[in-house]
Every structure is written in C-alpha cells, then in structure tokens.
Amino acid sequence: MAFFKSISPALILTLILSGIIGSQGSTGGVMGIQHKYIYDYGYYWSWSTFLCSLGVVWALIIMQGD
C-alpha cells in the first residue's frame, strides 16, 4: 500500500524538479530531462528522477508506519 501512496508525491516532485531544471535549457546530466508534449501542452520529464524520488518517498512512508 505504501508504494501506491508514494506515486503521486513522486510524480509532483519529478514535475517540479524537471520543470525548473529543464526550463533553463539543461538536461540535468544523468537526470536526462526531456521535453515532452501531450497535445499542445509541453512539460519536462525524467524517468531517472521519477524512480529516485519514488524510492525516497516510498522509504519515508514506510518509516512513518504506513
């Protein structure tokens, strides 16, 4: 259950971090930030950042006792 609770905070954290770094024109090195489009809406995304933030948030939720 903790895994599913951690998906939305990790998604928000990834969008914020990728948006800030990607809007400056950087790919973030290892983060590999890419500019994606859904219809006419553009956003910045990074799978490596999402997976790392998912692990951190998941661990925090487990430590809190779910």
PDB file of N, CA and C in Angstrom:
ATOM      1  N   MET A   1       0.820  -1.193   0.000  1.00  0.00           N
ATOM      2  CA  MET A   1       0.000   0.000   0.000  1.00  0.00           C
ATOM      3  C   MET A   1       0.873   1.270   0.000  1.00  0.00           C
ATOM      4  N   ALA A   2       2.011   1.183   0.690  1.00  0.00           N
ATOM      5  CA  ALA A   2       2.902   2.345   0.768  1.00  0.00           C
ATOM      6  C   ALA A   2       3.420   2.726  -0.611  1.00  0.00           C
ATOM      7  N   PHE A   3       3.622   1.724  -1.468  1.00  0.00           N
ATOM      8  CA  PHE A   3       4.114   2.006  -2.817  1.00  0.00           C
ATOM      9  C   PHE A   3       3.106   2.866  -3.580  1.00  0.00           C
ATOM     10  N   PHE A   4       1.840   2.520  -3.509  1.00  0.00           N
ATOM     11  CA  PHE A   4       0.821   3.268  -4.239  1.00  0.00           C
ATOM     12  C   PHE A   4       0.610   4.669  -3.664  1.00  0.00           C
ATOM     13  N   LYS A   5       0.809   4.820  -2.367  1.00  0.00           N
ATOM     14  CA  LYS A   5       0.714   6.142  -1.746  1.00  0.00           C
ATOM     15  C   LYS A   5       1.868   7.046  -2.174  1.00  0.00           C
ATOM     16  N   SER A   6       2.994   6.458  -2.541  1.00  0.00           N
ATOM     17  CA  SER A   6       4.177   7.251  -2.864  1.00  0.00           C
ATOM     18  C   SER A   6       4.228   7.698  -4.322  1.00  0.00           C
ATOM     19  N   ILE A   7       3.361   7.183  -5.174  1.00  0.00           N
ATOM     20  CA  ILE A   7       3.421   7.524  -6.598  1.00  0.00           C
ATOM     21  C   ILE A   7       3.069   8.988  -6.857  1.00  0.00           C
ATOM     22  N   SER A   8       1.994   9.491  -6.275  1.00  0.00           N
ATOM     23  CA  SER A   8       1.602  10.880  -6.571  1.00  0.00           C
ATOM     24  C   SER A   8       2.588  11.919  -6.032  1.00  0.00           C
ATOM     25  N   PRO A   9       3.120  11.797  -4.802  1.00  0.00           N
ATOM     26  CA  PRO A   9       4.146  12.765  -4.388  1.00  0.00           C
ATOM     27  C   PRO A   9       5.410  12.700  -5.242  1.00  0.00           C
ATOM     28  N   ALA A  10       5.787  11.492  -5.659  1.00  0.00           N
ATOM     29  CA  ALA A  10       6.967  11.346  -6.514  1.00  0.00           C
ATOM     30  C   ALA A  10       6.722  11.986  -7.874  1.00  0.00           C
ATOM     31  N   LEU A  11       5.514  11.856  -8.393  1.00  0.00           N
ATOM     32  CA  LEU A  11       5.158  12.479  -9.669  1.00  0.00           C
ATOM     33  C   LEU A  11       5.240  13.999  -9.573  1.00  0.00           C
ATOM     34  N   ILE A  12       4.703  14.551  -8.513  1.00  0.00           N
ATOM     35  CA  ILE A  12       4.731  16.006  -8.321  1.00  0.00           C
ATOM     36  C   ILE A  12       6.171  16.497  -8.164  1.00  0.00           C
ATOM     37  N   LEU A  13       6.961  15.789  -7.359  1.00  0.00           N
ATOM     38  CA  LEU A  13       8.362  16.166  -7.161  1.00  0.00           C
ATOM     39  C   LEU A  13       9.140  16.126  -8.469  1.00  0.00           C
ATOM     40  N   THR A  14       8.903  15.099  -9.276  1.00  0.00           N
ATOM     41  CA  THR A  14       9.585  14.978 -10.564  1.00  0.00           C
ATOM     42  C   THR A  14       9.203  16.102 -11.501  1.00  0.00           C
ATOM     43  N   LEU A  15       7.925  16.428 -11.578  1.00  0.00           N
ATOM     44  CA  LEU A  15       7.486  17.511 -12.470  1.00  0.00           C
ATOM     45  C   LEU A  15       8.061  18.857 -12.044  1.00  0.00           C
ATOM     46  N   ILE A  16       8.140  19.084 -10.734  1.00  0.00           N
ATOM     47  CA  ILE A  16       8.694  20.353 -10.252  1.00  0.00           C
ATOM     48  C   ILE A  16      10.193  20.439 -10.543  1.00  0.00           C
ATOM     49  N   LEU A  17      10.944  19.395 -10.170  1.00  0.00           N
ATOM     50  CA  LEU A  17      12.394  19.416 -10.403  1.00  0.00           C
ATOM     51  C   LEU A  17      12.732  19.476 -11.892  1.00  0.00           C
ATOM     52  N   SER A  18      12.072  18.648 -12.687  1.00  0.00           N
ATOM     53  CA  SER A  18      12.343  18.637 -14.123  1.00  0.00           C
ATOM     54  C   SER A  18      11.935  19.956 -14.769  1.00  0.00           C
ATOM     55  N   GLY A  19      10.840  20.542 -14.305  1.00  0.00           N
ATOM     56  CA  GLY A  19      10.391  21.817 -14.851  1.00  0.00           C
ATOM     57  C   GLY A  19      11.364  22.944 -14.578  1.00  0.00           C
ATOM     58  N   ILE A  20      11.893  22.972 -13.359  1.00  0.00           N
ATOM     59  CA  ILE A  20      12.845  24.033 -13.006  1.00  0.00           C
ATOM     60  C   ILE A  20      14.152  23.873 -13.780  1.00  0.00           C
ATOM     61  N   ILE A  21      14.698  22.670 -13.793  1.00  0.00           N
ATOM     62  CA  ILE A  21      15.986  22.447 -14.459  1.00  0.00           C
ATOM     63  C   ILE A  21      15.832  22.493 -15.978  1.00  0.00           C
ATOM     64  N   GLY A  22      14.784  21.873 -16.498  1.00  0.00           N
ATOM     65  CA  GLY A  22      14.583  21.830 -17.949  1.00  0.00           C
ATOM     66  C   GLY A  22      14.255  23.172 -18.558  1.00  0.00           C
ATOM     67  N   SER A  23      13.582  24.037 -17.816  1.00  0.00           N
ATOM     68  CA  SER A  23      13.235  25.350 -18.364  1.00  0.00           C
ATOM     69  C   SER A  23      14.459  26.242 -18.540  1.00  0.00           C
ATOM     70  N   GLN A  24      15.566  25.887 -17.880  1.00  0.00           N
ATOM     71  CA  GLN A  24      16.805  26.645 -18.034  1.00  0.00           C
ATOM     72  C   GLN A  24      17.623  26.166 -19.224  1.00  0.00           C
ATOM     73  N   GLY A  25      17.119  25.145 -19.928  1.00  0.00           N
ATOM     74  CA  GLY A  25      17.804  24.642 -21.108  1.00  0.00           C
ATOM     75  C   GLY A  25      18.772  23.511 -20.831  1.00  0.00           C
ATOM     76  N   SER A  26      18.792  23.026 -19.605  1.00  0.00           N
ATOM     77  CA  SER A  26      19.714  21.955 -19.236  1.00  0.00           C
ATOM     78  C   SER A  26      18.998  20.603 -19.270  1.00  0.00           C
ATOM     79  N   THR A  27      19.763  19.548 -19.545  1.00  0.00           N
ATOM     80  CA  THR A  27      19.200  18.197 -19.479  1.00  0.00           C
ATOM     81  C   THR A  27      19.463  17.560 -18.130  1.00  0.00           C
ATOM     82  N   GLY A  28      20.192  18.224 -17.271  1.00  0.00           N
ATOM     83  CA  GLY A  28      20.452  17.729 -15.934  1.00  0.00           C
ATOM     84  C   GLY A  28      21.473  16.618 -15.867  1.00  0.00           C
ATOM     85  N   GLY A  29      22.240  16.421 -16.925  1.00  0.00           N
ATOM     86  CA  GLY A  29      23.281  15.387 -16.912  1.00  0.00           C
ATOM     87  C   GLY A  29      22.684  13.992 -16.828  1.00  0.00           C
ATOM     88  N   VAL A  30      22.929  13.309 -15.727  1.00  0.00           N
ATOM     89  CA  VAL A  30      22.452  11.943 -15.533  1.00  0.00           C
ATOM     90  C   VAL A  30      20.927  11.894 -15.462  1.00  0.00           C
ATOM     91  N   MET A  31      20.304  12.996 -15.059  1.00  0.00           N
ATOM     92  CA  MET A  31      18.841  13.018 -14.953  1.00  0.00           C
ATOM     93  C   MET A  31      18.179  12.823 -16.310  1.00  0.00           C
ATOM     94  N   GLY A  32      18.796  13.274 -17.362  1.00  0.00           N
ATOM     95  CA  GLY A  32      18.259  13.068 -18.707  1.00  0.00           C
ATOM     96  C   GLY A  32      16.881  13.670 -18.911  1.00  0.00           C
ATOM     97  N   ILE A  33      16.719  14.924 -18.565  1.00  0.00           N
ATOM     98  CA  ILE A  33      15.424  15.599 -18.683  1.00  0.00           C
ATOM     99  C   ILE A  33      15.090  15.814 -20.153  1.00  0.00           C
ATOM    100  N   GLN A  34      13.869  15.458 -20.518  1.00  0.00           N
ATOM    101  CA  GLN A  34      13.404  15.589 -21.898  1.00  0.00           C
ATOM    102  C   GLN A  34      12.145  16.446 -21.935  1.00  0.00           C
ATOM    103  N   HIS A  35      11.992  17.181 -23.017  1.00  0.00           N
ATOM    104  CA  HIS A  35      10.791  17.980 -23.201  1.00  0.00           C
ATOM    105  C   HIS A  35       9.769  17.141 -23.952  1.00  0.00           C
ATOM    106  N   LYS A  36       8.620  16.896 -23.334  1.00  0.00           N
ATOM    107  CA  LYS A  36       7.572  16.056 -23.908  1.00  0.00           C
ATOM    108  C   LYS A  36       6.338  16.899 -24.205  1.00  0.00           C
ATOM    109  N   TYR A  37       5.493  16.399 -25.085  1.00  0.00           N
ATOM    110  CA  TYR A  37       4.252  17.083 -25.431  1.00  0.00           C
ATOM    111  C   TYR A  37       3.073  16.127 -25.332  1.00  0.00           C
ATOM    112  N   ILE A  38       1.995  16.588 -24.765  1.00  0.00           N
ATOM    113  CA  ILE A  38       0.703  15.911 -24.831  1.00  0.00           C
ATOM    114  C   ILE A  38      -0.248  16.929 -25.443  1.00  0.00           C
ATOM    115  N   TYR A  39      -0.669  16.628 -26.665  1.00  0.00           N
ATOM    116  CA  TYR A  39      -1.450  17.565 -27.472  1.00  0.00           C
ATOM    117  C   TYR A  39      -0.671  18.872 -27.600  1.00  0.00           C
ATOM    118  N   ASP A  40      -1.172  19.981 -27.087  1.00  0.00           N
ATOM    119  CA  ASP A  40      -0.466  21.264 -27.199  1.00  0.00           C
ATOM    120  C   ASP A  40       0.248  21.659 -25.909  1.00  0.00           C
ATOM    121  N   TYR A  41       0.216  20.785 -24.919  1.00  0.00           N
ATOM    122  CA  TYR A  41       0.822  21.098 -23.627  1.00  0.00           C
ATOM    123  C   TYR A  41       2.215  20.471 -23.547  1.00  0.00           C
ATOM    124  N   GLY A  42       3.217  21.280 -23.272  1.00  0.00           N
ATOM    125  CA  GLY A  42       4.584  20.798 -23.140  1.00  0.00           C
ATOM    126  C   GLY A  42       5.004  20.738 -21.682  1.00  0.00           C
ATOM    127  N   TYR A  43       5.779  19.731 -21.339  1.00  0.00           N
ATOM    128  CA  TYR A  43       6.288  19.591 -19.976  1.00  0.00           C
ATOM    129  C   TYR A  43       7.644  18.888 -20.029  1.00  0.00           C
ATOM    130  N   TYR A  44       8.379  18.961 -18.935  1.00  0.00           N
ATOM    131  CA  TYR A  44       9.684  18.323 -18.832  1.00  0.00           C
ATOM    132  C   TYR A  44       9.554  17.073 -17.962  1.00  0.00           C
ATOM    133  N   TRP A  45      10.235  15.997 -18.380  1.00  0.00           N
ATOM    134  CA  TRP A  45      10.109  14.724 -17.677  1.00  0.00           C
ATOM    135  C   TRP A  45      11.446  14.008 -17.626  1.00  0.00           C
ATOM    136  N   SER A  46      11.654  13.266 -16.547  1.00  0.00           N
ATOM    137  CA  SER A  46      12.861  12.468 -16.388  1.00  0.00           C
ATOM    138  C   SER A  46      12.504  11.179 -15.639  1.00  0.00           C
ATOM    139  N   TRP A  47      12.721  10.038 -16.296  1.00  0.00           N
ATOM    140  CA  TRP A  47      12.423   8.758 -15.655  1.00  0.00           C
ATOM    141  C   TRP A  47      13.360   8.476 -14.493  1.00  0.00           C
ATOM    142  N   SER A  48      14.614   8.843 -14.637  1.00  0.00           N
ATOM    143  CA  SER A  48      15.552   8.571 -13.545  1.00  0.00           C
ATOM    144  C   SER A  48      15.196   9.390 -12.304  1.00  0.00           C
ATOM    145  N   THR A  49      14.773  10.628 -12.490  1.00  0.00           N
ATOM    146  CA  THR A  49      14.355  11.448 -11.355  1.00  0.00           C
ATOM    147  C   THR A  49      13.097  10.884 -10.723  1.00  0.00           C
ATOM    148  N   PHE A  50      12.174  10.404 -11.551  1.00  0.00           N
ATOM    149  CA  PHE A  50      10.945   9.821 -11.020  1.00  0.00           C
ATOM    150  C   PHE A  50      11.240   8.578 -10.183  1.00  0.00           C
ATOM    151  N   LEU A  51      12.095   7.704 -10.683  1.00  0.00           N
ATOM    152  CA  LEU A  51      12.392   6.480  -9.947  1.00  0.00           C
ATOM    153  C   LEU A  51      13.131   6.763  -8.641  1.00  0.00           C
ATOM    154  N   CYS A  52      14.041   7.716  -8.662  1.00  0.00           N
ATOM    155  CA  CYS A  52      14.754   8.083  -7.430  1.00  0.00           C
ATOM    156  C   CYS A  52      13.821   8.731  -6.416  1.00  0.00           C
ATOM    157  N   SER A  53      12.991   9.642  -6.859  1.00  0.00           N
ATOM    158  CA  SER A  53      12.054  10.286  -5.935  1.00  0.00           C
ATOM    159  C   SER A  53      11.010   9.292  -5.438  1.00  0.00           C
ATOM    160  N   LEU A  54      10.619   8.333  -6.276  1.00  0.00           N
ATOM    161  CA  LEU A  54       9.687   7.290  -5.847  1.00  0.00           C
ATOM    162  C   LEU A  54      10.305   6.462  -4.722  1.00  0.00           C
ATOM    163  N   GLY A  55      11.567   6.113  -4.860  1.00  0.00           N
ATOM    164  CA  GLY A  55      12.243   5.357  -3.810  1.00  0.00           C
ATOM    165  C   GLY A  55      12.351   6.129  -2.509  1.00  0.00           C
ATOM    166  N   VAL A  56      12.660   7.410  -2.599  1.00  0.00           N
ATOM    167  CA  VAL A  56      12.794   8.243  -1.393  1.00  0.00           C
ATOM    168  C   VAL A  56      11.444   8.401  -0.702  1.00  0.00           C
ATOM    169  N   VAL A  57      10.415   8.721  -1.458  1.00  0.00           N
ATOM    170  CA  VAL A  57       9.083   8.919  -0.866  1.00  0.00           C
ATOM    171  C   VAL A  57       8.553   7.609  -0.299  1.00  0.00           C
ATOM    172  N   TRP A  58       8.787   6.508  -1.005  1.00  0.00           N
ATOM    173  CA  TRP A  58       8.348   5.191  -0.536  1.00  0.00           C
ATOM    174  C   TRP A  58       9.008   4.856   0.805  1.00  0.00           C
ATOM    175  N   ALA A  59      10.305   5.099   0.908  1.00  0.00           N
ATOM    176  CA  ALA A  59      11.030   4.840   2.148  1.00  0.00           C
ATOM    177  C   ALA A  59      10.507   5.715   3.288  1.00  0.00           C
ATOM    178  N   LEU A  60      10.218   6.987   3.003  1.00  0.00           N
ATOM    179  CA  LEU A  60       9.692   7.878   4.034  1.00  0.00           C
ATOM    180  C   LEU A  60       8.323   7.412   4.529  1.00  0.00           C
ATOM    181  N   ILE A  61       7.481   6.958   3.625  1.00  0.00           N
ATOM    182  CA  ILE A  61       6.153   6.496   4.025  1.00  0.00           C
ATOM    183  C   ILE A  61       6.259   5.220   4.853  1.00  0.00           C
ATOM    184  N   ILE A  62       7.168   4.326   4.467  1.00  0.00           N
ATOM    185  CA  ILE A  62       7.361   3.086   5.249  1.00  0.00           C
ATOM    186  C   ILE A  62       7.893   3.410   6.637  1.00  0.00           C
ATOM    187  N   MET A  63       8.825   4.366   6.737  1.00  0.00           N
ATOM    188  CA  MET A  63       9.389   4.742   8.037  1.00  0.00           C
ATOM    189  C   MET A  63       8.360   5.380   8.954  1.00  0.00           C
ATOM    190  N   GLN A  64       7.348   6.015   8.372  1.00  0.00           N
ATOM    191  CA  GLN A  64       6.301   6.629   9.172  1.00  0.00           C
ATOM    192  C   GLN A  64       5.279   5.607   9.671  1.00  0.00           C
ATOM    193  N   GLY A  65       5.396   4.399   9.219  1.00  0.00           N
ATOM    194  CA  GLY A  65       4.491   3.351   9.703  1.00  0.00           C
ATOM    195  C   GLY A  65       3.283   3.151   8.814  1.00  0.00           C
ATOM    196  N   ASP A  66       3.375   3.616   7.547  1.00  0.00           N
ATOM    197  CA  ASP A  66       2.304   3.440   6.568  1.00  0.00           C
ATOM    198  C   ASP A  66       1.080   4.079   7.088  1.00  0.00           C
TER     199      ASP A  66
END
